[in-house]
Amino acid sequence: MDYRQLRAFIAVFEERNITAAARSIHLSQPALSGSIKALEEALGTTLFVRQPRGVEVTEDARALYPEAQRMVADANRLLGRFKGDRERVPLQVGVEQDVSAAVLGKVVRAAAAIQPAVRLQLVTGCAGAVRLASEELRCEDELFLPLHSDPFVLTTAAQVTAADHWITCPAQPSHQRLLPFYTAGPVAEAETFALALAMVAAGLGMAIVPASLATEQGGVRCEPMPQLDLRRRIGLCYSAQALVLDGVVQLRDALQ
C-alpha cells in the first residue's frame, strides 16, 4: 500500500467513477485501475464494485476512506516541508553596524511575507546580494532605497551626569559635523554608535548618536538637539546587477 494507491482510492471513492477519478488526478484510466487492483490485493478485500454507470463502494472502502485521507494528508505535509525548503528563493542580506533592531525587523518581516517564500540569511558587514546600511556607506555604483530617517540626539546616563565628558565616534561619517558641538576633548572613543551607547549607559560620559539606536539602549536618557540639523538615512543598498535575483527584486518591492 503506497501513496499513489491511496490517492487513486480517494479519487474513485469521491467520484464514484473510474474515468472521472483518473481525470481528477491526471492519470490514465488503466494506470488508476491498476493502482486500485494492487491496493485491493494488498488489503485482501474488494473496495469497489463496478456498475453500468460507475462504481459502488463497499463497507471496507467506507472504513478505509478516512484513514486514507489522513495518511495522504500526512504525506503531503511531509513532502511540502522538504520540497518547500528546496524551492525557497535564497536571499542573503548584509547588515552593517549600527542598524537598529526596529529597522532590521521591518526588513525581516517584509522578507517573511514574500510569496513564493525566500530563505533569508542575515550576515554582518559588507556582504550579501543586498545590504541594510546607512546611506553614507552606499558604494558609488549602488542604488539606495531609504527606509528610515534618523535624527541625532544627545545621550547621557540615566543615573549619572558626566558633564563635558564626551564619547566620540571618529570612524563615523558624522564625526566632522559633530566636532563643533563638543565642549571638551573626548574622554573615550568608540568605533560604532552602539559601543558609544554602552559606555554612556555605564556612566563614562555622553554622546551624540542616532535616535533609533539611543531609544533601544537601556540606561540612557535622550535629549533632542534643535541646534543640530543632522540626520542619517537607513535603507537597502544594492547594485543594478543584483536585480537579476528574484529575492532582491521581491524584497525591494515589498519595502517600497
C-alpha atoms as a PDB file:
ATOM      1  CA  MET A   1       0.000   0.000   0.000  1.00  0.00           C
ATOM      2  CA  ASP A   2       1.619   3.233  -1.146  1.00  0.00           C
ATOM      3  CA  TYR A   3       0.871   6.930  -1.621  1.00  0.00           C
ATOM      4  CA  ARG A   4      -0.208   6.595  -5.271  1.00  0.00           C
ATOM      5  CA  GLN A   5      -2.593   3.772  -4.495  1.00  0.00           C
ATOM      6  CA  LEU A   6      -4.219   5.747  -1.698  1.00  0.00           C
ATOM      7  CA  ARG A   7      -4.616   8.829  -3.917  1.00  0.00           C
ATOM      8  CA  ALA A   8      -6.259   6.661  -6.576  1.00  0.00           C
ATOM      9  CA  PHE A   9      -8.572   5.102  -3.997  1.00  0.00           C
ATOM     10  CA  ILE A  10      -9.652   8.506  -2.633  1.00  0.00           C
ATOM     11  CA  ALA A  11     -10.333   9.811  -6.141  1.00  0.00           C
ATOM     12  CA  VAL A  12     -12.521   6.826  -7.063  1.00  0.00           C
ATOM     13  CA  PHE A  13     -14.314   6.877  -3.708  1.00  0.00           C
ATOM     14  CA  GLU A  14     -15.199  10.559  -4.155  1.00  0.00           C
ATOM     15  CA  GLU A  15     -16.019  10.480  -7.872  1.00  0.00           C
ATOM     16  CA  ARG A  16     -17.751   7.052  -7.902  1.00  0.00           C
ATOM     17  CA  ASN A  17     -16.473   6.822 -11.470  1.00  0.00           C
ATOM     18  CA  ILE A  18     -13.156   5.437 -12.786  1.00  0.00           C
ATOM     19  CA  THR A  19     -12.912   7.801 -15.774  1.00  0.00           C
ATOM     20  CA  ALA A  20     -13.707  10.927 -13.746  1.00  0.00           C
ATOM     21  CA  ALA A  21     -11.320   9.862 -10.980  1.00  0.00           C
ATOM     22  CA  ALA A  22      -8.475   9.306 -13.448  1.00  0.00           C
ATOM     23  CA  ARG A  23      -9.059  12.758 -14.907  1.00  0.00           C
ATOM     24  CA  SER A  24      -9.100  14.433 -11.480  1.00  0.00           C
ATOM     25  CA  ILE A  25      -5.628  13.175 -10.512  1.00  0.00           C
ATOM     26  CA  HIS A  26      -4.152  13.310 -14.030  1.00  0.00           C
ATOM     27  CA  LEU A  27      -3.678   9.571 -14.517  1.00  0.00           C
ATOM     28  CA  SER A  28      -4.625   7.317 -17.390  1.00  0.00           C
ATOM     29  CA  GLN A  29      -7.601   5.078 -16.719  1.00  0.00           C
ATOM     30  CA  PRO A  30      -5.540   1.859 -16.965  1.00  0.00           C
ATOM     31  CA  ALA A  31      -2.947   3.239 -14.505  1.00  0.00           C
ATOM     32  CA  LEU A  32      -5.633   4.175 -11.996  1.00  0.00           C
ATOM     33  CA  SER A  33      -7.396   0.812 -12.356  1.00  0.00           C
ATOM     34  CA  GLY A  34      -4.043  -0.924 -11.811  1.00  0.00           C
ATOM     35  CA  SER A  35      -3.445   1.061  -8.614  1.00  0.00           C
ATOM     36  CA  ILE A  36      -6.868   0.139  -7.256  1.00  0.00           C
ATOM     37  CA  LYS A  37      -6.335  -3.547  -8.096  1.00  0.00           C
ATOM     38  CA  ALA A  38      -2.919  -3.529  -6.381  1.00  0.00           C
ATOM     39  CA  LEU A  39      -4.411  -1.890  -3.295  1.00  0.00           C
ATOM     40  CA  GLU A  40      -7.226  -4.438  -3.112  1.00  0.00           C
ATOM     41  CA  GLU A  41      -4.700  -7.280  -3.400  1.00  0.00           C
ATOM     42  CA  ALA A  42      -2.541  -5.774  -0.663  1.00  0.00           C
ATOM     43  CA  LEU A  43      -5.540  -5.427   1.667  1.00  0.00           C
ATOM     44  CA  GLY A  44      -7.143  -8.730   0.679  1.00  0.00           C
ATOM     45  CA  THR A  45     -10.557  -7.188   0.086  1.00  0.00           C
ATOM     46  CA  THR A  46     -12.783  -5.644  -2.585  1.00  0.00           C
ATOM     47  CA  LEU A  47     -13.159  -1.892  -2.378  1.00  0.00           C
ATOM     48  CA  PHE A  48     -15.330  -1.098  -5.403  1.00  0.00           C
ATOM     49  CA  VAL A  49     -17.959  -2.978  -7.360  1.00  0.00           C
ATOM     50  CA  ARG A  50     -18.265  -1.883 -10.981  1.00  0.00           C
ATOM     51  CA  GLN A  51     -21.746  -0.822 -12.128  1.00  0.00           C
ATOM     52  CA  PRO A  52     -23.003   0.170 -15.606  1.00  0.00           C
ATOM     53  CA  ARG A  53     -22.657   3.862 -14.698  1.00  0.00           C
ATOM     54  CA  GLY A  54     -19.819   3.967 -12.215  1.00  0.00           C
ATOM     55  CA  VAL A  55     -18.784   2.051  -9.121  1.00  0.00           C
ATOM     56  CA  GLU A  56     -20.370   1.140  -5.824  1.00  0.00           C
ATOM     57  CA  VAL A  57     -18.275   1.411  -2.666  1.00  0.00           C
ATOM     58  CA  THR A  58     -18.079  -1.479  -0.229  1.00  0.00           C
ATOM     59  CA  GLU A  59     -18.172  -1.299   3.562  1.00  0.00           C
ATOM     60  CA  ASP A  60     -14.412  -1.900   3.653  1.00  0.00           C
ATOM     61  CA  ALA A  61     -13.963   1.085   1.343  1.00  0.00           C
ATOM     62  CA  ARG A  62     -16.060   3.238   3.686  1.00  0.00           C
ATOM     63  CA  ALA A  63     -13.865   2.172   6.610  1.00  0.00           C
ATOM     64  CA  LEU A  64     -10.661   2.816   4.655  1.00  0.00           C
ATOM     65  CA  TYR A  65     -11.627   6.257   3.321  1.00  0.00           C
ATOM     66  CA  PRO A  66     -10.994   8.419   6.458  1.00  0.00           C
ATOM     67  CA  GLU A  67      -7.745   6.549   7.180  1.00  0.00           C
ATOM     68  CA  ALA A  68      -6.590   7.030   3.580  1.00  0.00           C
ATOM     69  CA  GLN A  69      -7.365  10.744   3.777  1.00  0.00           C
ATOM     70  CA  ARG A  70      -5.290  11.066   6.943  1.00  0.00           C
ATOM     71  CA  MET A  71      -2.320   9.151   5.518  1.00  0.00           C
ATOM     72  CA  VAL A  72      -2.302  11.149   2.260  1.00  0.00           C
ATOM     73  CA  ALA A  73      -2.583  14.434   4.183  1.00  0.00           C
ATOM     74  CA  ASP A  74       0.378  13.439   6.367  1.00  0.00           C
ATOM     75  CA  ALA A  75       2.409  12.511   3.285  1.00  0.00           C
ATOM     76  CA  ASN A  76       1.529  15.824   1.597  1.00  0.00           C
ATOM     77  CA  ARG A  77       2.638  17.779   4.655  1.00  0.00           C
ATOM     78  CA  LEU A  78       5.929  15.905   4.718  1.00  0.00           C
ATOM     79  CA  LEU A  79       6.507  16.452   1.003  1.00  0.00           C
ATOM     80  CA  GLY A  80       5.616  20.122   1.328  1.00  0.00           C
ATOM     81  CA  ARG A  81       8.054  20.619   4.189  1.00  0.00           C
ATOM     82  CA  PHE A  82      11.086  19.328   2.324  1.00  0.00           C
ATOM     83  CA  LYS A  83      10.097  20.383  -1.176  1.00  0.00           C
ATOM     84  CA  GLY A  84       9.104  23.825   0.094  1.00  0.00           C
ATOM     85  CA  ASP A  85      12.505  24.333   1.733  1.00  0.00           C
ATOM     86  CA  ARG A  86      14.276  23.467  -1.518  1.00  0.00           C
ATOM     87  CA  GLU A  87      12.086  25.794  -3.542  1.00  0.00           C
ATOM     88  CA  ARG A  88      12.580  28.846  -1.338  1.00  0.00           C
ATOM     89  CA  VAL A  89      14.397  31.661  -3.133  1.00  0.00           C
ATOM     90  CA  PRO A  90      17.761  32.240  -1.373  1.00  0.00           C
ATOM     91  CA  LEU A  91      18.337  35.822  -0.211  1.00  0.00           C
ATOM     92  CA  GLN A  92      21.447  36.929   1.670  1.00  0.00           C
ATOM     93  CA  VAL A  93      21.234  40.345   3.327  1.00  0.00           C
ATOM     94  CA  GLY A  94      24.273  42.058   4.792  1.00  0.00           C
ATOM     95  CA  VAL A  95      23.577  44.102   7.914  1.00  0.00           C
ATOM     96  CA  GLU A  96      26.039  46.921   8.529  1.00  0.00           C
ATOM     97  CA  GLN A  97      26.918  48.122  12.008  1.00  0.00           C
ATOM     98  CA  ASP A  98      24.654  50.498  13.918  1.00  0.00           C
ATOM     99  CA  VAL A  99      21.352  49.424  12.366  1.00  0.00           C
ATOM    100  CA  SER A 100      18.549  49.486  14.925  1.00  0.00           C
ATOM    101  CA  ALA A 101      16.511  46.393  15.722  1.00  0.00           C
ATOM    102  CA  ALA A 102      13.347  48.227  14.634  1.00  0.00           C
ATOM    103  CA  VAL A 103      14.637  48.848  11.103  1.00  0.00           C
ATOM    104  CA  LEU A 104      16.070  45.347  10.827  1.00  0.00           C
ATOM    105  CA  GLY A 105      12.736  43.944  11.986  1.00  0.00           C
ATOM    106  CA  LYS A 106      10.954  45.817   9.199  1.00  0.00           C
ATOM    107  CA  VAL A 107      13.183  44.145   6.607  1.00  0.00           C
ATOM    108  CA  VAL A 108      12.806  40.692   8.175  1.00  0.00           C
ATOM    109  CA  ARG A 109       9.006  40.994   8.251  1.00  0.00           C
ATOM    110  CA  ALA A 110       8.949  42.096   4.615  1.00  0.00           C
ATOM    111  CA  ALA A 111      11.106  39.124   3.631  1.00  0.00           C
ATOM    112  CA  ALA A 112       8.872  36.738   5.582  1.00  0.00           C
ATOM    113  CA  ALA A 113       5.801  37.996   3.716  1.00  0.00           C
ATOM    114  CA  ILE A 114       7.256  37.401   0.249  1.00  0.00           C
ATOM    115  CA  GLN A 115       5.486  34.749  -1.820  1.00  0.00           C
ATOM    116  CA  PRO A 116       6.940  32.464  -3.031  1.00  0.00           C
ATOM    117  CA  ALA A 117       8.912  32.365   0.190  1.00  0.00           C
ATOM    118  CA  VAL A 118      12.564  33.317   0.450  1.00  0.00           C
ATOM    119  CA  ARG A 119      15.228  31.594   2.510  1.00  0.00           C
ATOM    120  CA  LEU A 120      16.596  34.609   4.357  1.00  0.00           C
ATOM    121  CA  GLN A 121      20.203  34.650   5.514  1.00  0.00           C
ATOM    122  CA  LEU A 122      21.468  37.599   7.561  1.00  0.00           C
ATOM    123  CA  VAL A 123      25.202  38.254   7.597  1.00  0.00           C
ATOM    124  CA  THR A 124      27.241  41.062   9.122  1.00  0.00           C
ATOM    125  CA  GLY A 125      29.106  43.751   7.249  1.00  0.00           C
ATOM    126  CA  CYS A 126      29.541  44.459   3.559  1.00  0.00           C
ATOM    127  CA  ALA A 127      28.231  41.176   2.183  1.00  0.00           C
ATOM    128  CA  GLY A 128      25.178  39.692   0.537  1.00  0.00           C
ATOM    129  CA  ALA A 129      23.158  40.498  -2.554  1.00  0.00           C
ATOM    130  CA  VAL A 130      21.676  43.491  -0.750  1.00  0.00           C
ATOM    131  CA  ARG A 131      22.790  45.421   2.331  1.00  0.00           C
ATOM    132  CA  LEU A 132      20.955  47.208   5.115  1.00  0.00           C
ATOM    133  CA  ALA A 133      23.102  50.228   5.882  1.00  0.00           C
ATOM    134  CA  SER A 134      23.247  53.987   6.333  1.00  0.00           C
ATOM    135  CA  GLU A 135      23.308  55.981   3.117  1.00  0.00           C
ATOM    136  CA  GLU A 136      26.866  57.157   3.845  1.00  0.00           C
ATOM    137  CA  LEU A 137      28.052  53.556   3.410  1.00  0.00           C
ATOM    138  CA  ARG A 138      26.479  53.188  -0.034  1.00  0.00           C
ATOM    139  CA  CYS A 139      29.017  52.447  -2.764  1.00  0.00           C
ATOM    140  CA  GLU A 140      29.098  54.733  -5.801  1.00  0.00           C
ATOM    141  CA  ASP A 141      27.578  52.147  -8.125  1.00  0.00           C
ATOM    142  CA  GLU A 142      24.813  51.092  -5.727  1.00  0.00           C
ATOM    143  CA  LEU A 143      21.157  52.064  -5.684  1.00  0.00           C
ATOM    144  CA  PHE A 144      19.584  53.091  -2.384  1.00  0.00           C
ATOM    145  CA  LEU A 145      16.072  52.527  -1.069  1.00  0.00           C
ATOM    146  CA  PRO A 146      15.522  54.669   2.071  1.00  0.00           C
ATOM    147  CA  LEU A 147      13.595  53.009   4.888  1.00  0.00           C
ATOM    148  CA  HIS A 148      14.142  55.215   7.930  1.00  0.00           C
ATOM    149  CA  SER A 149      15.253  58.803   8.614  1.00  0.00           C
ATOM    150  CA  ASP A 150      17.085  59.177  11.895  1.00  0.00           C
ATOM    151  CA  PRO A 151      17.768  62.432  13.814  1.00  0.00           C
ATOM    152  CA  PHE A 152      20.790  62.663  16.085  1.00  0.00           C
ATOM    153  CA  VAL A 153      20.185  63.129  19.818  1.00  0.00           C
ATOM    154  CA  LEU A 154      22.256  63.801  22.916  1.00  0.00           C
ATOM    155  CA  THR A 155      22.501  60.802  25.240  1.00  0.00           C
ATOM    156  CA  THR A 156      23.553  60.731  28.887  1.00  0.00           C
ATOM    157  CA  ALA A 157      23.464  58.058  31.559  1.00  0.00           C
ATOM    158  CA  ALA A 158      20.101  57.671  33.250  1.00  0.00           C
ATOM    159  CA  GLN A 159      21.605  57.766  36.744  1.00  0.00           C
ATOM    160  CA  VAL A 160      24.916  59.607  36.360  1.00  0.00           C
ATOM    161  CA  THR A 161      25.597  63.052  34.909  1.00  0.00           C
ATOM    162  CA  ALA A 162      29.053  63.419  33.387  1.00  0.00           C
ATOM    163  CA  ALA A 163      29.090  66.999  32.095  1.00  0.00           C
ATOM    164  CA  ASP A 164      31.595  67.714  29.312  1.00  0.00           C
ATOM    165  CA  HIS A 165      32.815  64.121  29.316  1.00  0.00           C
ATOM    166  CA  TRP A 166      32.363  63.271  25.644  1.00  0.00           C
ATOM    167  CA  ILE A 167      32.422  59.894  23.965  1.00  0.00           C
ATOM    168  CA  THR A 168      33.120  60.360  20.269  1.00  0.00           C
ATOM    169  CA  CYS A 169      32.998  58.122  17.193  1.00  0.00           C
ATOM    170  CA  PRO A 170      35.830  59.298  14.882  1.00  0.00           C
ATOM    171  CA  ALA A 171      35.257  56.445  12.405  1.00  0.00           C
ATOM    172  CA  GLN A 172      31.685  57.545  11.679  1.00  0.00           C
ATOM    173  CA  PRO A 173      30.898  59.816   8.679  1.00  0.00           C
ATOM    174  CA  SER A 174      29.093  62.231  11.024  1.00  0.00           C
ATOM    175  CA  HIS A 175      32.184  62.871  13.171  1.00  0.00           C
ATOM    176  CA  GLN A 176      33.383  66.051  11.458  1.00  0.00           C
ATOM    177  CA  ARG A 177      29.952  67.661  11.596  1.00  0.00           C
ATOM    178  CA  LEU A 178      29.672  66.910  15.316  1.00  0.00           C
ATOM    179  CA  LEU A 179      33.008  68.456  16.317  1.00  0.00           C
ATOM    180  CA  PRO A 180      31.569  71.988  16.883  1.00  0.00           C
ATOM    181  CA  PHE A 181      29.166  70.591  19.491  1.00  0.00           C
ATOM    182  CA  TYR A 182      31.801  69.017  21.690  1.00  0.00           C
ATOM    183  CA  THR A 183      32.605  71.401  24.532  1.00  0.00           C
ATOM    184  CA  ALA A 184      35.711  69.490  25.614  1.00  0.00           C
ATOM    185  CA  GLY A 185      38.060  66.798  24.407  1.00  0.00           C
ATOM    186  CA  PRO A 186      36.852  63.203  24.368  1.00  0.00           C
ATOM    187  CA  VAL A 187      37.078  61.058  27.451  1.00  0.00           C
ATOM    188  CA  ALA A 188      36.685  57.965  25.269  1.00  0.00           C
ATOM    189  CA  GLU A 189      36.256  56.909  21.657  1.00  0.00           C
ATOM    190  CA  ALA A 190      34.164  54.161  20.080  1.00  0.00           C
ATOM    191  CA  GLU A 191      34.187  52.664  16.615  1.00  0.00           C
ATOM    192  CA  THR A 192      30.404  52.337  16.481  1.00  0.00           C
ATOM    193  CA  PHE A 193      27.456  54.239  17.919  1.00  0.00           C
ATOM    194  CA  ALA A 194      26.327  51.063  19.686  1.00  0.00           C
ATOM    195  CA  LEU A 195      29.646  50.845  21.540  1.00  0.00           C
ATOM    196  CA  ALA A 196      29.453  54.529  22.424  1.00  0.00           C
ATOM    197  CA  LEU A 197      25.996  53.995  23.887  1.00  0.00           C
ATOM    198  CA  ALA A 198      27.252  51.120  26.010  1.00  0.00           C
ATOM    199  CA  MET A 199      29.824  53.462  27.510  1.00  0.00           C
ATOM    200  CA  VAL A 200      27.190  56.147  28.063  1.00  0.00           C
ATOM    201  CA  ALA A 201      24.972  53.643  29.890  1.00  0.00           C
ATOM    202  CA  ALA A 202      27.964  52.735  32.089  1.00  0.00           C
ATOM    203  CA  GLY A 203      28.267  56.400  33.160  1.00  0.00           C
ATOM    204  CA  LEU A 204      31.508  57.134  31.348  1.00  0.00           C
ATOM    205  CA  GLY A 205      30.245  60.200  29.501  1.00  0.00           C
ATOM    206  CA  MET A 206      27.772  61.474  26.943  1.00  0.00           C
ATOM    207  CA  ALA A 207      27.496  61.004  23.196  1.00  0.00           C
ATOM    208  CA  ILE A 208      25.606  62.282  20.175  1.00  0.00           C
ATOM    209  CA  VAL A 209      24.112  59.328  18.341  1.00  0.00           C
ATOM    210  CA  PRO A 210      21.179  58.408  16.052  1.00  0.00           C
ATOM    211  CA  ALA A 211      17.851  58.356  17.875  1.00  0.00           C
ATOM    212  CA  SER A 212      16.815  54.869  16.690  1.00  0.00           C
ATOM    213  CA  LEU A 213      19.806  53.335  18.458  1.00  0.00           C
ATOM    214  CA  ALA A 214      19.521  55.517  21.556  1.00  0.00           C
ATOM    215  CA  THR A 215      15.888  54.577  22.211  1.00  0.00           C
ATOM    216  CA  GLU A 216      16.810  50.875  22.164  1.00  0.00           C
ATOM    217  CA  GLN A 217      19.683  51.226  24.645  1.00  0.00           C
ATOM    218  CA  GLY A 218      18.695  50.764  28.253  1.00  0.00           C
ATOM    219  CA  GLY A 219      20.068  53.035  30.936  1.00  0.00           C
ATOM    220  CA  VAL A 220      20.393  56.226  28.887  1.00  0.00           C
ATOM    221  CA  ARG A 221      18.430  59.457  28.542  1.00  0.00           C
ATOM    222  CA  CYS A 222      17.843  61.084  25.164  1.00  0.00           C
ATOM    223  CA  GLU A 223      17.524  64.807  24.508  1.00  0.00           C
ATOM    224  CA  PRO A 224      16.740  66.360  21.128  1.00  0.00           C
ATOM    225  CA  MET A 225      19.257  68.840  19.723  1.00  0.00           C
ATOM    226  CA  PRO A 226      17.315  71.514  17.792  1.00  0.00           C
ATOM    227  CA  GLN A 227      20.549  73.349  17.032  1.00  0.00           C
ATOM    228  CA  LEU A 228      21.925  70.244  15.268  1.00  0.00           C
ATOM    229  CA  ASP A 229      20.421  69.799  11.820  1.00  0.00           C
ATOM    230  CA  LEU A 230      21.815  66.335  11.241  1.00  0.00           C
ATOM    231  CA  ARG A 231      20.002  63.165  10.220  1.00  0.00           C
ATOM    232  CA  ARG A 232      21.021  59.890   8.690  1.00  0.00           C
ATOM    233  CA  ARG A 233      19.028  57.601   6.413  1.00  0.00           C
ATOM    234  CA  ILE A 234      18.992  53.829   6.738  1.00  0.00           C
ATOM    235  CA  GLY A 235      17.958  51.719   3.781  1.00  0.00           C
ATOM    236  CA  LEU A 236      18.739  48.979   1.295  1.00  0.00           C
ATOM    237  CA  CYS A 237      21.916  49.247  -0.774  1.00  0.00           C
ATOM    238  CA  TYR A 238      22.070  47.086  -3.887  1.00  0.00           C
ATOM    239  CA  SER A 239      23.673  47.093  -7.304  1.00  0.00           C
ATOM    240  CA  ALA A 240      21.751  47.165 -10.563  1.00  0.00           C
ATOM    241  CA  GLN A 241      23.233  43.740 -11.339  1.00  0.00           C
ATOM    242  CA  ALA A 242      21.593  42.340  -8.178  1.00  0.00           C
ATOM    243  CA  LEU A 243      18.167  42.983  -9.701  1.00  0.00           C
ATOM    244  CA  VAL A 244      18.516  39.806 -11.751  1.00  0.00           C
ATOM    245  CA  LEU A 245      17.968  37.935  -8.471  1.00  0.00           C
ATOM    246  CA  ASP A 246      14.301  37.282  -7.715  1.00  0.00           C
ATOM    247  CA  GLY A 247      14.804  37.617  -3.960  1.00  0.00           C
ATOM    248  CA  VAL A 248      16.296  41.110  -4.256  1.00  0.00           C
ATOM    249  CA  VAL A 249      13.506  42.372  -6.515  1.00  0.00           C
ATOM    250  CA  GLN A 250      10.805  40.881  -4.289  1.00  0.00           C
ATOM    251  CA  LEU A 251      12.300  42.387  -1.125  1.00  0.00           C
ATOM    252  CA  ARG A 252      12.678  45.806  -2.742  1.00  0.00           C
ATOM    253  CA  ASP A 253       9.090  45.735  -3.986  1.00  0.00           C
ATOM    254  CA  ALA A 254       7.808  44.595  -0.593  1.00  0.00           C
ATOM    255  CA  LEU A 255       9.500  47.544   1.131  1.00  0.00           C
ATOM    256  CA  GLN A 256       8.542  50.264  -1.345  1.00  0.00           C
END
